C-alpha atoms as a PDB file:
ATOM      1  CA  MET A   1       0.000   0.000   0.000  1.00  0.00           C
ATOM      2  CA  ARG A   2       1.017   3.596  -0.618  1.00  0.00           C
ATOM      3  CA  THR A   3       0.040   5.190   2.691  1.00  0.00           C
ATOM      4  CA  LEU A   4      -0.245   8.823   3.742  1.00  0.00           C
ATOM      5  CA  VAL A   5       0.350   9.711   7.398  1.00  0.00           C
ATOM      6  CA  THR A   6      -0.685  13.266   8.271  1.00  0.00           C
ATOM      7  CA  GLY A   7       1.136  14.506  11.348  1.00  0.00           C
ATOM      8  CA  GLY A   8       3.761  11.918  10.543  1.00  0.00           C
ATOM      9  CA  ALA A   9       6.589  13.764  12.315  1.00  0.00           C
ATOM     10  CA  GLY A  10       4.678  13.866  15.584  1.00  0.00           C
ATOM     11  CA  PHE A  11       4.856  11.552  18.568  1.00  0.00           C
ATOM     12  CA  LEU A  12       2.345   8.967  17.373  1.00  0.00           C
ATOM     13  CA  GLY A  13       2.880   9.691  13.685  1.00  0.00           C
ATOM     14  CA  SER A  14       6.596   8.928  13.713  1.00  0.00           C
ATOM     15  CA  HIS A  15       6.028   5.584  15.418  1.00  0.00           C
ATOM     16  CA  LEU A  16       3.294   4.781  12.893  1.00  0.00           C
ATOM     17  CA  CYS A  17       5.539   5.654   9.927  1.00  0.00           C
ATOM     18  CA  GLU A  18       8.199   3.370  11.386  1.00  0.00           C
ATOM     19  CA  ARG A  19       5.736   0.491  11.779  1.00  0.00           C
ATOM     20  CA  LEU A  20       4.270   0.874   8.275  1.00  0.00           C
ATOM     21  CA  LEU A  21       7.732   0.841   6.695  1.00  0.00           C
ATOM     22  CA  LYS A  22       8.573  -2.257   8.707  1.00  0.00           C
ATOM     23  CA  ASP A  23       5.416  -3.890   7.323  1.00  0.00           C
ATOM     24  CA  GLY A  24       6.559  -3.157   3.750  1.00  0.00           C
ATOM     25  CA  HIS A  25       4.366  -0.193   2.835  1.00  0.00           C
ATOM     26  CA  GLU A  26       5.336   2.968   0.980  1.00  0.00           C
ATOM     27  CA  VAL A  27       4.896   5.884   3.386  1.00  0.00           C
ATOM     28  CA  VAL A  28       4.241   9.530   2.608  1.00  0.00           C
ATOM     29  CA  CYS A  29       4.808  11.537   5.782  1.00  0.00           C
ATOM     30  CA  LEU A  30       3.112  14.931   5.788  1.00  0.00           C
ATOM     31  CA  ASP A  31       3.730  17.480   8.561  1.00  0.00           C
ATOM     32  CA  ASN A  32       4.033  21.249   9.047  1.00  0.00           C
ATOM     33  CA  TYR A  33       6.147  20.879  12.243  1.00  0.00           C
ATOM     34  CA  PHE A  34       3.702  22.852  14.376  1.00  0.00           C
ATOM     35  CA  SER A  35       4.045  20.232  17.086  1.00  0.00           C
ATOM     36  CA  GLY A  36       5.982  17.519  15.234  1.00  0.00           C
ATOM     37  CA  LYS A  37       9.788  17.429  14.976  1.00  0.00           C
ATOM     38  CA  ARG A  38      12.182  16.567  12.176  1.00  0.00           C
ATOM     39  CA  SER A  39      14.277  14.598  14.649  1.00  0.00           C
ATOM     40  CA  ASN A  40      11.381  12.170  15.180  1.00  0.00           C
ATOM     41  CA  ILE A  41      11.657  10.901  11.608  1.00  0.00           C
ATOM     42  CA  ALA A  42      15.334  11.683  10.884  1.00  0.00           C
ATOM     43  CA  HIS A  43      16.231   7.980  11.034  1.00  0.00           C
ATOM     44  CA  LEU A  44      13.678   7.243   8.292  1.00  0.00           C
ATOM     45  CA  ARG A  45      14.749   9.896   5.785  1.00  0.00           C
ATOM     46  CA  ASN A  46      16.967   7.578   3.722  1.00  0.00           C
ATOM     47  CA  HIS A  47      14.555   4.653   3.645  1.00  0.00           C
ATOM     48  CA  ARG A  48      13.720   3.843   0.015  1.00  0.00           C
ATOM     49  CA  ASN A  49       9.960   3.671   0.738  1.00  0.00           C
ATOM     50  CA  PHE A  50       9.757   6.881   2.771  1.00  0.00           C
ATOM     51  CA  GLU A  51       8.789  10.299   1.426  1.00  0.00           C
ATOM     52  CA  LEU A  52       8.575  13.478   3.504  1.00  0.00           C
ATOM     53  CA  ILE A  53       6.428  16.466   2.554  1.00  0.00           C
ATOM     54  CA  ARG A  54       6.261  19.673   4.552  1.00  0.00           C
ATOM     55  CA  HIS A  55       2.686  20.845   4.245  1.00  0.00           C
ATOM     56  CA  ASP A  56      -0.149  22.284   6.330  1.00  0.00           C
ATOM     57  CA  ILE A  57      -3.333  20.258   5.820  1.00  0.00           C
ATOM     58  CA  VAL A  58      -5.436  23.377   6.271  1.00  0.00           C
ATOM     59  CA  GLU A  59      -4.456  23.856   2.611  1.00  0.00           C
ATOM     60  CA  PRO A  60      -5.544  21.245   0.024  1.00  0.00           C
ATOM     61  CA  ILE A  61      -2.989  18.846  -1.433  1.00  0.00           C
ATOM     62  CA  LEU A  62      -3.150  16.414  -4.355  1.00  0.00           C
ATOM     63  CA  LEU A  63      -1.561  13.000  -3.823  1.00  0.00           C
ATOM     64  CA  GLU A  64      -2.089   9.455  -5.081  1.00  0.00           C
ATOM     65  CA  VAL A  65      -2.396   7.093  -2.115  1.00  0.00           C
ATOM     66  CA  ASP A  66      -4.260   3.929  -1.109  1.00  0.00           C
ATOM     67  CA  ARG A  67      -4.651   4.611   2.608  1.00  0.00           C
ATOM     68  CA  ILE A  68      -4.716   7.748   4.781  1.00  0.00           C
ATOM     69  CA  PHE A  69      -3.917   7.763   8.489  1.00  0.00           C
ATOM     70  CA  HIS A  70      -5.157  11.201   9.524  1.00  0.00           C
ATOM     71  CA  LEU A  71      -3.299  12.086  12.737  1.00  0.00           C
ATOM     72  CA  ALA A  72      -2.504  15.756  12.154  1.00  0.00           C
ATOM     73  CA  CYS A  73      -3.601  17.983  15.043  1.00  0.00           C
ATOM     74  CA  PRO A  74      -1.799  19.323  18.114  1.00  0.00           C
ATOM     75  CA  ALA A  75      -2.881  17.039  20.948  1.00  0.00           C
ATOM     76  CA  SER A  76      -1.377  18.502  24.113  1.00  0.00           C
ATOM     77  CA  PRO A  77      -2.889  21.485  25.963  1.00  0.00           C
ATOM     78  CA  VAL A  78       0.298  23.545  25.593  1.00  0.00           C
ATOM     79  CA  HIS A  79       0.203  23.178  21.815  1.00  0.00           C
ATOM     80  CA  TYR A  80      -3.507  23.308  21.083  1.00  0.00           C
ATOM     81  CA  GLN A  81      -4.144  26.263  23.400  1.00  0.00           C
ATOM     82  CA  TYR A  82      -1.178  28.207  22.018  1.00  0.00           C
ATOM     83  CA  ASN A  83      -3.164  28.878  18.848  1.00  0.00           C
ATOM     84  CA  PRO A  84      -6.724  27.638  19.402  1.00  0.00           C
ATOM     85  CA  VAL A  85      -8.058  28.971  16.088  1.00  0.00           C
ATOM     86  CA  LYS A  86      -5.310  27.091  14.267  1.00  0.00           C
ATOM     87  CA  THR A  87      -6.251  23.960  16.214  1.00  0.00           C
ATOM     88  CA  ILE A  88      -9.886  24.227  15.116  1.00  0.00           C
ATOM     89  CA  LYS A  89      -8.867  24.863  11.501  1.00  0.00           C
ATOM     90  CA  THR A  90      -6.638  21.781  11.549  1.00  0.00           C
ATOM     91  CA  SER A  91      -9.419  19.562  12.857  1.00  0.00           C
ATOM     92  CA  VAL A  92     -12.162  20.950  10.617  1.00  0.00           C
ATOM     93  CA  MET A  93     -10.579  22.241   7.406  1.00  0.00           C
ATOM     94  CA  GLY A  94      -7.788  19.686   7.549  1.00  0.00           C
ATOM     95  CA  THR A  95     -10.256  16.839   7.873  1.00  0.00           C
ATOM     96  CA  ILE A  96     -12.366  18.217   5.018  1.00  0.00           C
ATOM     97  CA  ASN A  97      -9.254  18.317   2.825  1.00  0.00           C
ATOM     98  CA  MET A  98      -8.225  14.777   3.741  1.00  0.00           C
ATOM     99  CA  LEU A  99     -11.735  13.454   3.172  1.00  0.00           C
ATOM    100  CA  GLY A 100     -11.821  15.216  -0.186  1.00  0.00           C
ATOM    101  CA  LEU A 101      -8.556  13.520  -1.083  1.00  0.00           C
ATOM    102  CA  ALA A 102      -9.863  10.153   0.086  1.00  0.00           C
ATOM    103  CA  LYS A 103     -13.004  10.628  -1.999  1.00  0.00           C
ATOM    104  CA  ARG A 104     -11.040  11.571  -5.114  1.00  0.00           C
ATOM    105  CA  VAL A 105      -8.551   8.678  -5.010  1.00  0.00           C
ATOM    106  CA  ARG A 106     -10.936   6.197  -3.333  1.00  0.00           C
ATOM    107  CA  ALA A 107      -8.626   5.699  -0.383  1.00  0.00           C
ATOM    108  CA  ARG A 108      -9.617   4.356   2.999  1.00  0.00           C
ATOM    109  CA  ILE A 109      -9.116   7.038   5.667  1.00  0.00           C
ATOM    110  CA  LEU A 110      -8.648   6.559   9.411  1.00  0.00           C
ATOM    111  CA  LEU A 111      -9.183   9.455  11.818  1.00  0.00           C
ATOM    112  CA  THR A 112      -7.433   9.461  15.160  1.00  0.00           C
ATOM    113  CA  SER A 113     -10.041  11.105  17.340  1.00  0.00           C
ATOM    114  CA  THR A 114      -9.660  11.411  21.087  1.00  0.00           C
ATOM    115  CA  SER A 115     -11.119  10.541  24.457  1.00  0.00           C
ATOM    116  CA  GLU A 116     -11.560  14.301  24.863  1.00  0.00           C
ATOM    117  CA  VAL A 117     -14.787  13.989  22.867  1.00  0.00           C
ATOM    118  CA  TYR A 118     -16.259  12.620  26.104  1.00  0.00           C
ATOM    119  CA  GLY A 119     -15.261  15.791  27.991  1.00  0.00           C
ATOM    120  CA  ASP A 120     -15.605  15.488  31.773  1.00  0.00           C
ATOM    121  CA  PRO A 121     -17.618  12.276  31.537  1.00  0.00           C
ATOM    122  CA  GLU A 122     -20.678  11.469  33.584  1.00  0.00           C
ATOM    123  CA  GLN A 123     -20.443   7.851  32.430  1.00  0.00           C
ATOM    124  CA  HIS A 124     -17.640   5.627  33.725  1.00  0.00           C
ATOM    125  CA  PRO A 125     -15.977   3.864  32.031  1.00  0.00           C
ATOM    126  CA  GLN A 126     -16.696   5.536  28.714  1.00  0.00           C
ATOM    127  CA  THR A 127     -18.275   3.493  25.924  1.00  0.00           C
ATOM    128  CA  GLU A 128     -18.456   4.521  22.281  1.00  0.00           C
ATOM    129  CA  SER A 129     -22.206   5.079  22.562  1.00  0.00           C
ATOM    130  CA  TYR A 130     -21.728   7.816  25.191  1.00  0.00           C
ATOM    131  CA  TRP A 131     -22.240  11.305  23.695  1.00  0.00           C
ATOM    132  CA  GLY A 132     -20.056  13.128  26.210  1.00  0.00           C
ATOM    133  CA  HIS A 133     -20.218  16.027  28.653  1.00  0.00           C
ATOM    134  CA  VAL A 134     -18.218  18.808  26.991  1.00  0.00           C
ATOM    135  CA  ASN A 135     -17.940  22.546  27.584  1.00  0.00           C
ATOM    136  CA  PRO A 136     -18.236  23.991  24.046  1.00  0.00           C
ATOM    137  CA  ILE A 137     -16.869  27.434  25.042  1.00  0.00           C
ATOM    138  CA  GLY A 138     -14.076  26.449  27.439  1.00  0.00           C
ATOM    139  CA  VAL A 139     -10.330  26.719  26.925  1.00  0.00           C
ATOM    140  CA  ARG A 140     -10.128  23.072  25.844  1.00  0.00           C
ATOM    141  CA  ALA A 141     -13.012  23.346  23.371  1.00  0.00           C
ATOM    142  CA  CYS A 142     -10.759  24.150  20.401  1.00  0.00           C
ATOM    143  CA  TYR A 143      -9.474  20.577  20.619  1.00  0.00           C
ATOM    144  CA  ASP A 144     -12.496  18.767  22.076  1.00  0.00           C
ATOM    145  CA  GLU A 145     -15.079  20.273  19.728  1.00  0.00           C
ATOM    146  CA  GLY A 146     -12.685  20.252  16.788  1.00  0.00           C
ATOM    147  CA  LYS A 147     -12.364  16.485  17.078  1.00  0.00           C
ATOM    148  CA  ARG A 148     -16.106  16.076  17.546  1.00  0.00           C
ATOM    149  CA  VAL A 149     -16.697  17.986  14.293  1.00  0.00           C
ATOM    150  CA  ALA A 150     -13.998  15.895  12.601  1.00  0.00           C
ATOM    151  CA  GLU A 151     -15.926  12.761  13.556  1.00  0.00           C
ATOM    152  CA  THR A 152     -19.128  14.335  12.179  1.00  0.00           C
ATOM    153  CA  LEU A 153     -17.391  15.080   8.892  1.00  0.00           C
ATOM    154  CA  MET A 154     -16.088  11.523   8.656  1.00  0.00           C
ATOM    155  CA  MET A 155     -19.554  10.079   9.152  1.00  0.00           C
ATOM    156  CA  ASP A 156     -21.241  12.486   6.731  1.00  0.00           C
ATOM    157  CA  TYR A 157     -18.679  11.881   3.970  1.00  0.00           C
ATOM    158  CA  HIS A 158     -19.252   8.167   4.538  1.00  0.00           C
ATOM    159  CA  ARG A 159     -23.058   8.450   4.404  1.00  0.00           C
ATOM    160  CA  GLN A 160     -23.245  10.998   1.584  1.00  0.00           C
ATOM    161  CA  ASN A 161     -20.236  10.128  -0.571  1.00  0.00           C
ATOM    162  CA  LYS A 162     -19.539   6.495   0.410  1.00  0.00           C
ATOM    163  CA  VAL A 163     -16.013   7.332   1.575  1.00  0.00           C
ATOM    164  CA  ASP A 164     -14.406   4.307   3.246  1.00  0.00           C
ATOM    165  CA  ILE A 165     -13.705   5.525   6.801  1.00  0.00           C
ATOM    166  CA  ARG A 166     -12.389   4.316  10.148  1.00  0.00           C
ATOM    167  CA  ILE A 167     -12.552   6.253  13.457  1.00  0.00           C
ATOM    168  CA  VAL A 168     -10.647   5.532  16.663  1.00  0.00           C
ATOM    169  CA  ARG A 169     -10.803   7.451  19.924  1.00  0.00           C
ATOM    170  CA  ILE A 170      -7.383   7.411  21.534  1.00  0.00           C
ATOM    171  CA  PHE A 171      -7.039   7.708  25.292  1.00  0.00           C
ATOM    172  CA  ASN A 172      -3.904   8.918  27.122  1.00  0.00           C
ATOM    173  CA  THR A 173      -0.796   7.627  25.369  1.00  0.00           C
ATOM    174  CA  TYR A 174       2.856   7.889  26.374  1.00  0.00           C
ATOM    175  CA  GLY A 175       6.281   6.683  25.293  1.00  0.00           C
ATOM    176  CA  PRO A 176       9.565   7.715  23.654  1.00  0.00           C
ATOM    177  CA  ARG A 177       9.433  10.832  21.427  1.00  0.00           C
ATOM    178  CA  MET A 178       6.869  12.597  23.551  1.00  0.00           C
ATOM    179  CA  ALA A 179       7.881  16.263  23.488  1.00  0.00           C
ATOM    180  CA  ILE A 180       9.478  17.114  26.815  1.00  0.00           C
ATOM    181  CA  ASN A 181       7.666  20.469  26.867  1.00  0.00           C
ATOM    182  CA  ASP A 182       4.234  19.369  25.642  1.00  0.00           C
ATOM    183  CA  GLY A 183       2.467  19.920  28.959  1.00  0.00           C
ATOM    184  CA  ARG A 184       1.073  16.394  29.248  1.00  0.00           C
ATOM    185  CA  VAL A 185       1.167  14.856  32.674  1.00  0.00           C
ATOM    186  CA  VAL A 186       3.525  11.965  31.845  1.00  0.00           C
ATOM    187  CA  SER A 187       6.144  14.163  30.190  1.00  0.00           C
ATOM    188  CA  ASN A 188       5.776  16.849  32.886  1.00  0.00           C
ATOM    189  CA  PHE A 189       6.287  14.364  35.694  1.00  0.00           C
ATOM    190  CA  CYS A 190       9.158  12.493  34.023  1.00  0.00           C
ATOM    191  CA  VAL A 191      11.091  15.639  33.135  1.00  0.00           C
ATOM    192  CA  SER A 192      10.601  17.215  36.569  1.00  0.00           C
ATOM    193  CA  ALA A 193      11.635  14.019  38.330  1.00  0.00           C
ATOM    194  CA  LEU A 194      14.761  13.675  36.178  1.00  0.00           C
ATOM    195  CA  LYS A 195      15.707  17.283  36.918  1.00  0.00           C
ATOM    196  CA  GLY A 196      15.011  16.914  40.633  1.00  0.00           C
ATOM    197  CA  GLU A 197      12.301  19.583  40.464  1.00  0.00           C
ATOM    198  CA  ASP A 198       8.934  19.623  42.206  1.00  0.00           C
ATOM    199  CA  LEU A 199       6.180  17.731  40.387  1.00  0.00           C
ATOM    200  CA  GLU A 200       3.185  20.019  39.930  1.00  0.00           C
ATOM    201  CA  VAL A 201      -0.075  18.252  40.741  1.00  0.00           C
ATOM    202  CA  PHE A 202      -3.179  20.202  39.728  1.00  0.00           C
ATOM    203  CA  GLY A 203      -6.165  19.850  42.024  1.00  0.00           C
ATOM    204  CA  ASP A 204      -6.110  17.169  44.704  1.00  0.00           C
ATOM    205  CA  GLY A 205      -4.352  14.614  42.475  1.00  0.00           C
ATOM    206  CA  LYS A 206      -7.167  12.102  42.904  1.00  0.00           C
ATOM    207  CA  GLN A 207      -8.381  12.546  39.337  1.00  0.00           C
ATOM    208  CA  THR A 208      -7.723   9.412  37.322  1.00  0.00           C
ATOM    209  CA  ARG A 209      -6.272   8.608  33.928  1.00  0.00           C
ATOM    210  CA  SER A 210      -5.541   5.439  31.966  1.00  0.00           C
ATOM    211  CA  PHE A 211      -2.193   5.335  30.183  1.00  0.00           C
ATOM    212  CA  ALA A 212      -1.357   3.175  27.147  1.00  0.00           C
ATOM    213  CA  TYR A 213       2.158   2.700  25.770  1.00  0.00           C
ATOM    214  CA  VAL A 214       2.708   3.954  22.235  1.00  0.00           C
ATOM    215  CA  ASP A 215       3.522   0.535  20.716  1.00  0.00           C
ATOM    216  CA  ASP A 216       0.152  -0.808  21.851  1.00  0.00           C
ATOM    217  CA  ILE A 217      -1.666   2.145  20.297  1.00  0.00           C
ATOM    218  CA  ILE A 218       0.163   1.762  16.970  1.00  0.00           C
ATOM    219  CA  GLU A 219      -0.799  -1.907  16.856  1.00  0.00           C
ATOM    220  CA  ALA A 220      -4.440  -0.932  17.333  1.00  0.00           C
ATOM    221  CA  LEU A 221      -4.277   1.678  14.543  1.00  0.00           C
ATOM    222  CA  VAL A 222      -2.816  -0.836  12.099  1.00  0.00           C
ATOM    223  CA  ARG A 223      -5.474  -3.404  12.974  1.00  0.00           C
ATOM    224  CA  MET A 224      -8.294  -0.875  12.717  1.00  0.00           C
ATOM    225  CA  MET A 225      -7.202   0.210   9.254  1.00  0.00           C
ATOM    226  CA  ALA A 226      -6.940  -3.387   8.055  1.00  0.00           C
ATOM    227  CA  GLN A 227     -10.228  -4.806   9.397  1.00  0.00           C
ATOM    228  CA  GLU A 228     -13.417  -4.775   7.318  1.00  0.00           C
ATOM    229  CA  GLU A 229     -16.111  -5.262   9.962  1.00  0.00           C
ATOM    230  CA  HIS A 230     -16.461  -1.927  11.752  1.00  0.00           C
ATOM    231  CA  ILE A 231     -15.959   1.729  10.776  1.00  0.00           C
ATOM    232  CA  GLY A 232     -15.965   2.978  14.362  1.00  0.00           C
ATOM    233  CA  PRO A 233     -15.686   4.857  16.493  1.00  0.00           C
ATOM    234  CA  VAL A 234     -13.626   2.415  18.561  1.00  0.00           C
ATOM    235  CA  ASN A 235     -12.001   3.273  21.900  1.00  0.00           C
ATOM    236  CA  ILE A 236      -8.261   2.627  21.984  1.00  0.00           C
ATOM    237  CA  GLY A 237      -6.586   2.870  25.374  1.00  0.00           C
ATOM    238  CA  ASN A 238      -5.612   1.140  28.574  1.00  0.00           C
ATOM    239  CA  PRO A 239      -8.480   0.312  30.954  1.00  0.00           C
ATOM    240  CA  VAL A 240      -6.120   0.169  33.948  1.00  0.00           C
ATOM    241  CA  GLU A 241      -6.995   3.300  35.921  1.00  0.00           C
ATOM    242  CA  LEU A 242      -4.701   5.148  38.330  1.00  0.00           C
ATOM    243  CA  THR A 243      -4.659   8.504  40.062  1.00  0.00           C
ATOM    244  CA  ILE A 244      -2.366  11.381  39.182  1.00  0.00           C
ATOM    245  CA  LEU A 245      -0.785  11.040  42.631  1.00  0.00           C
ATOM    246  CA  GLU A 246       0.042   7.389  41.903  1.00  0.00           C
ATOM    247  CA  LEU A 247       1.587   8.353  38.559  1.00  0.00           C
ATOM    248  CA  ALA A 248       3.694  11.039  40.263  1.00  0.00           C
ATOM    249  CA  SER A 249       5.011   8.517  42.769  1.00  0.00           C
ATOM    250  CA  LEU A 250       5.997   6.095  39.988  1.00  0.00           C
ATOM    251  CA  ALA A 251       7.784   8.822  38.009  1.00  0.00           C
ATOM    252  CA  ILE A 252       9.818   9.795  41.074  1.00  0.00           C
ATOM    253  CA  GLU A 253      10.646   6.149  41.836  1.00  0.00           C
ATOM    254  CA  PHE A 254      11.658   5.135  38.304  1.00  0.00           C
ATOM    255  CA  ALA A 255      13.721   8.303  37.790  1.00  0.00           C
ATOM    256  CA  GLY A 256      15.547   7.664  41.062  1.00  0.00           C
ATOM    257  CA  SER A 257      14.618  11.178  42.088  1.00  0.00           C
ATOM    258  CA  SER A 258      14.229  13.041  45.368  1.00  0.00           C
ATOM    259  CA  SER A 259      11.577  15.366  43.884  1.00  0.00           C
ATOM    260  CA  LYS A 260       8.582  16.417  45.962  1.00  0.00           C
ATOM    261  CA  LEU A 261       4.985  17.148  45.020  1.00  0.00           C
ATOM    262  CA  LYS A 262       3.734  20.704  44.610  1.00  0.00           C
ATOM    263  CA  MET A 263      -0.036  21.020  44.810  1.00  0.00           C
ATOM    264  CA  MET A 264      -1.517  23.530  42.349  1.00  0.00           C
ATOM    265  CA  PRO A 265      -5.037  24.927  41.743  1.00  0.00           C
ATOM    266  CA  PRO A 266      -7.170  22.676  39.485  1.00  0.00           C
ATOM    267  CA  ARG A 267      -7.176  23.354  35.749  1.00  0.00           C
ATOM    268  CA  PRO A 268     -10.459  24.442  34.122  1.00  0.00           C
ATOM    269  CA  ASP A 269     -12.573  21.651  32.599  1.00  0.00           C
ATOM    270  CA  ASP A 270     -10.031  19.018  33.667  1.00  0.00           C
ATOM    271  CA  PRO A 271     -11.825  15.628  33.625  1.00  0.00           C
ATOM    272  CA  VAL A 272     -12.148  13.979  37.030  1.00  0.00           C
ATOM    273  CA  ARG A 273     -12.148  10.410  35.705  1.00  0.00           C
ATOM    274  CA  ARG A 274     -11.013   8.985  32.401  1.00  0.00           C
ATOM    275  CA  LYS A 275     -11.092   5.281  31.591  1.00  0.00           C
ATOM    276  CA  PRO A 276     -11.989   3.554  28.316  1.00  0.00           C
ATOM    277  CA  ASP A 277     -14.320   0.651  27.857  1.00  0.00           C
ATOM    278  CA  ILE A 278     -12.398  -1.362  25.241  1.00  0.00           C
ATOM    279  CA  SER A 279     -14.872  -4.213  24.843  1.00  0.00           C
ATOM    280  CA  LEU A 280     -15.451  -3.232  21.217  1.00  0.00           C
ATOM    281  CA  ALA A 281     -11.718  -3.134  20.429  1.00  0.00           C
ATOM    282  CA  LYS A 282     -11.316  -6.587  21.953  1.00  0.00           C
ATOM    283  CA  ARG A 283     -14.122  -7.955  19.807  1.00  0.00           C
ATOM    284  CA  VAL A 284     -13.497  -6.153  16.508  1.00  0.00           C
ATOM    285  CA  LEU A 285      -9.707  -5.891  16.553  1.00  0.00           C
ATOM    286  CA  ASN A 286      -8.795  -8.765  18.871  1.00  0.00           C
ATOM    287  CA  TRP A 287      -6.724  -6.112  20.632  1.00  0.00           C
ATOM    288  CA  GLU A 288      -5.900  -5.023  24.149  1.00  0.00           C
ATOM    289  CA  PRO A 289      -2.812  -3.311  25.568  1.00  0.00           C
ATOM    290  CA  ARG A 290       0.091  -5.604  26.447  1.00  0.00           C
ATOM    291  CA  ILE A 291       2.794  -3.366  27.891  1.00  0.00           C
ATOM    292  CA  PRO A 292       2.417  -2.605  31.614  1.00  0.00           C
ATOM    293  CA  LEU A 293       2.953   0.925  32.919  1.00  0.00           C
ATOM    294  CA  SER A 294       6.008  -0.156  34.908  1.00  0.00           C
ATOM    295  CA  GLU A 295       7.790  -1.255  31.717  1.00  0.00           C
ATOM    296  CA  GLY A 296       6.598   1.560  29.464  1.00  0.00           C
ATOM    297  CA  LEU A 297       7.298   4.327  31.960  1.00  0.00           C
ATOM    298  CA  ARG A 298      10.876   3.141  32.460  1.00  0.00           C
ATOM    299  CA  LYS A 299      11.443   3.205  28.675  1.00  0.00           C
ATOM    300  CA  THR A 300       9.940   6.692  28.491  1.00  0.00           C
ATOM    301  CA  ILE A 301      12.126   7.983  31.316  1.00  0.00           C
ATOM    302  CA  ASP A 302      15.241   6.495  29.686  1.00  0.00           C
ATOM    303  CA  HIS A 303      14.369   8.299  26.437  1.00  0.00           C
ATOM    304  CA  MET A 304      13.777  11.606  28.206  1.00  0.00           C
ATOM    305  CA  ARG A 305      16.971  11.222  30.187  1.00  0.00           C
ATOM    306  CA  ALA A 306      18.887  10.983  26.891  1.00  0.00           C
ATOM    307  CA  GLU A 307      16.851  13.852  25.412  1.00  0.00           C
ATOM    308  CA  LEU A 308      17.787  16.054  28.352  1.00  0.00           C
ATOM    309  CA  GLY A 309      21.450  15.028  28.104  1.00  0.00           C
ATOM    310  CA  LEU A 310      21.472  13.640  31.622  1.00  0.00           C
ATOM    311  CA  ILE A 311      23.826  10.878  32.720  1.00  0.00           C
ATOM    312  CA  ARG A 312      22.388   7.912  34.617  1.00  0.00           C
ATOM    313  CA  THR A 313      23.843   7.726  38.134  1.00  0.00           C
END
């Protein structure tokens, strides 16, 4: 397959490009480097089946491809709140452009949506049939509502124009190549612990998250694109739930740090609980996460230690 990966120089995108090349596909990586980095795909540049295009998907592009993995969109609060209008344009106009391309070349297109479509959920755990509890005018709405509209566009292009679509909703993901300054809780905690700085915990720290290692998520994306039974949406994430305080303790332990916790005021619209119901993914994809947090977090810390130029003691 000749496969397009939008956002291919990002955290998830670079791992996906790597996996697709390993599986023997031709890969076109498209990125404007708003939140992605050249260094994430530098090791792929000389691969004979890899092509890199610098382009912003807010603008149309003409390509000949068989499959489209549509990942492009800043996904961390630091990035998507830096330019919220740009974030909305990427989700809405970018998705329209990618769907138009898919329609023209008759390519199957997979959208990586997000657990943020559920907002601060009143249902726990969250199933795909839950419509969410989202603040449409809050500071996170540029991302949350942008992804909700992107899902709407996917479904309407499918119903109206018979575009072959797939939708996944990705829950919290971590691993090597996370940006050390992206503002996500795993990277924040790991970097602070490695530097011996206080770990900032917003609110009481009892809010929960479910963290999946990047390799598990990539496996799910590949399976979702390949299967013929279900267009989605399908939840992709780790159903093992833990509190932010528990995550902070693990980051300090695995980094071998003496860092302390610094309690901060809660962030606006921050979900209290977040846990996926992955029953559908188990049935449709025969998938569930394999890598435990203890293993994945150690790998992530080792990567960030090297990124920061720190020497293991």
